[in-house]
């Protein structure tokens, strides 16, 4: 599990750095695309699905969406 946590941490660092280097227009476009993906994630999860996994995914998306909004508004 430590290996997976380390890989996720590294991936999160890369994603944040990439978001920080894109233009406001690109950030706005990515934000809209992630909103669509988020809806697909919710639709694809059954009522008895992995609620903890869904909650974790949504929390991570919220963090990235917030960062994209910051970049788009800069």
C-alpha atoms as a PDB file:
ATOM      1  CA  UNK A   1       0.000   0.000   0.000  1.00  0.00           C
ATOM      2  CA  UNK A   2       2.930   2.363   0.657  1.00  0.00           C
ATOM      3  CA  UNK A   3       4.054   1.984  -2.959  1.00  0.00           C
ATOM      4  CA  UNK A   4       0.606   2.944  -4.223  1.00  0.00           C
ATOM      5  CA  UNK A   5       0.454   5.944  -1.879  1.00  0.00           C
ATOM      6  CA  UNK A   6       3.868   7.068  -3.111  1.00  0.00           C
ATOM      7  CA  UNK A   7       2.832   6.716  -6.743  1.00  0.00           C
ATOM      8  CA  UNK A   8      -0.365   8.687  -6.129  1.00  0.00           C
ATOM      9  CA  UNK A   9       1.577  11.409  -4.346  1.00  0.00           C
ATOM     10  CA  UNK A  10       4.014  11.689  -7.242  1.00  0.00           C
ATOM     11  CA  UNK A  11       1.153  11.794  -9.740  1.00  0.00           C
ATOM     12  CA  UNK A  12      -0.608  14.513  -7.748  1.00  0.00           C
ATOM     13  CA  UNK A  13       2.596  16.582  -7.698  1.00  0.00           C
ATOM     14  CA  UNK A  14       2.968  16.267 -11.473  1.00  0.00           C
ATOM     15  CA  UNK A  15      -0.672  17.199 -12.086  1.00  0.00           C
ATOM     16  CA  UNK A  16      -0.420  20.283  -9.872  1.00  0.00           C
ATOM     17  CA  UNK A  17       2.763  21.430 -11.644  1.00  0.00           C
ATOM     18  CA  UNK A  18       1.119  20.921 -15.039  1.00  0.00           C
ATOM     19  CA  UNK A  19      -1.945  22.890 -13.990  1.00  0.00           C
ATOM     20  CA  UNK A  20       0.261  25.718 -12.765  1.00  0.00           C
ATOM     21  CA  UNK A  21       1.937  26.003 -16.181  1.00  0.00           C
ATOM     22  CA  UNK A  22      -1.132  26.134 -18.444  1.00  0.00           C
ATOM     23  CA  UNK A  23      -2.842  29.280 -19.665  1.00  0.00           C
ATOM     24  CA  UNK A  24      -6.078  30.549 -18.112  1.00  0.00           C
ATOM     25  CA  UNK A  25      -7.948  29.482 -21.272  1.00  0.00           C
ATOM     26  CA  UNK A  26      -6.529  25.963 -21.073  1.00  0.00           C
ATOM     27  CA  UNK A  27      -7.424  25.803 -17.386  1.00  0.00           C
ATOM     28  CA  UNK A  28     -11.000  26.818 -18.122  1.00  0.00           C
ATOM     29  CA  UNK A  29     -11.260  24.153 -20.838  1.00  0.00           C
ATOM     30  CA  UNK A  30      -9.802  21.471 -18.543  1.00  0.00           C
ATOM     31  CA  UNK A  31     -12.192  22.533 -15.783  1.00  0.00           C
ATOM     32  CA  UNK A  32     -15.195  22.005 -18.052  1.00  0.00           C
ATOM     33  CA  UNK A  33     -13.861  18.629 -19.225  1.00  0.00           C
ATOM     34  CA  UNK A  34     -13.387  17.458 -15.632  1.00  0.00           C
ATOM     35  CA  UNK A  35     -16.930  18.492 -14.754  1.00  0.00           C
ATOM     36  CA  UNK A  36     -18.181  16.245 -17.543  1.00  0.00           C
ATOM     37  CA  UNK A  37     -15.917  13.394 -16.385  1.00  0.00           C
ATOM     38  CA  UNK A  38     -17.158  13.837 -12.840  1.00  0.00           C
ATOM     39  CA  UNK A  39     -20.758  13.386 -13.959  1.00  0.00           C
ATOM     40  CA  UNK A  40     -19.742  10.219 -15.817  1.00  0.00           C
ATOM     41  CA  UNK A  41     -18.081   8.884 -12.665  1.00  0.00           C
ATOM     42  CA  UNK A  42     -21.269   9.419 -10.665  1.00  0.00           C
ATOM     43  CA  UNK A  43     -23.460   7.838 -13.331  1.00  0.00           C
ATOM     44  CA  UNK A  44     -21.139   4.848 -13.636  1.00  0.00           C
ATOM     45  CA  UNK A  45     -21.325   4.070  -9.924  1.00  0.00           C
ATOM     46  CA  UNK A  46     -24.188   1.885  -8.823  1.00  0.00           C
ATOM     47  CA  UNK A  47     -26.182   2.632  -5.694  1.00  0.00           C
ATOM     48  CA  UNK A  48     -24.386  -0.164  -3.858  1.00  0.00           C
ATOM     49  CA  UNK A  49     -21.016   0.829  -5.320  1.00  0.00           C
ATOM     50  CA  UNK A  50     -17.805   1.650  -3.531  1.00  0.00           C
ATOM     51  CA  UNK A  51     -18.918   4.782  -1.694  1.00  0.00           C
ATOM     52  CA  UNK A  52     -15.535   5.416  -0.076  1.00  0.00           C
ATOM     53  CA  UNK A  53     -13.811   5.204  -3.465  1.00  0.00           C
ATOM     54  CA  UNK A  54     -16.347   7.590  -4.996  1.00  0.00           C
ATOM     55  CA  UNK A  55     -15.987  10.049  -2.104  1.00  0.00           C
ATOM     56  CA  UNK A  56     -12.195   9.939  -2.398  1.00  0.00           C
ATOM     57  CA  UNK A  57     -12.366  10.462  -6.166  1.00  0.00           C
ATOM     58  CA  UNK A  58     -14.713  13.406  -5.763  1.00  0.00           C
ATOM     59  CA  UNK A  59     -12.494  14.996  -3.114  1.00  0.00           C
ATOM     60  CA  UNK A  60      -9.464  14.728  -5.403  1.00  0.00           C
ATOM     61  CA  UNK A  61     -11.440  16.163  -8.320  1.00  0.00           C
ATOM     62  CA  UNK A  62     -12.640  19.026  -6.110  1.00  0.00           C
ATOM     63  CA  UNK A  63      -9.021  19.883  -5.309  1.00  0.00           C
ATOM     64  CA  UNK A  64      -7.984  19.862  -8.968  1.00  0.00           C
ATOM     65  CA  UNK A  65     -11.094  21.779 -10.038  1.00  0.00           C
ATOM     66  CA  UNK A  66     -10.344  24.443  -7.445  1.00  0.00           C
ATOM     67  CA  UNK A  67      -6.776  24.767  -8.692  1.00  0.00           C
ATOM     68  CA  UNK A  68      -7.989  24.991 -12.307  1.00  0.00           C
ATOM     69  CA  UNK A  69     -10.431  27.760 -11.343  1.00  0.00           C
ATOM     70  CA  UNK A  70      -7.588  29.675  -9.679  1.00  0.00           C
ATOM     71  CA  UNK A  71      -5.464  29.403 -12.814  1.00  0.00           C
ATOM     72  CA  UNK A  72      -8.384  30.252 -15.128  1.00  0.00           C
ATOM     73  CA  UNK A  73      -9.113  33.409 -13.133  1.00  0.00           C
ATOM     74  CA  UNK A  74      -5.499  34.582 -13.078  1.00  0.00           C
END
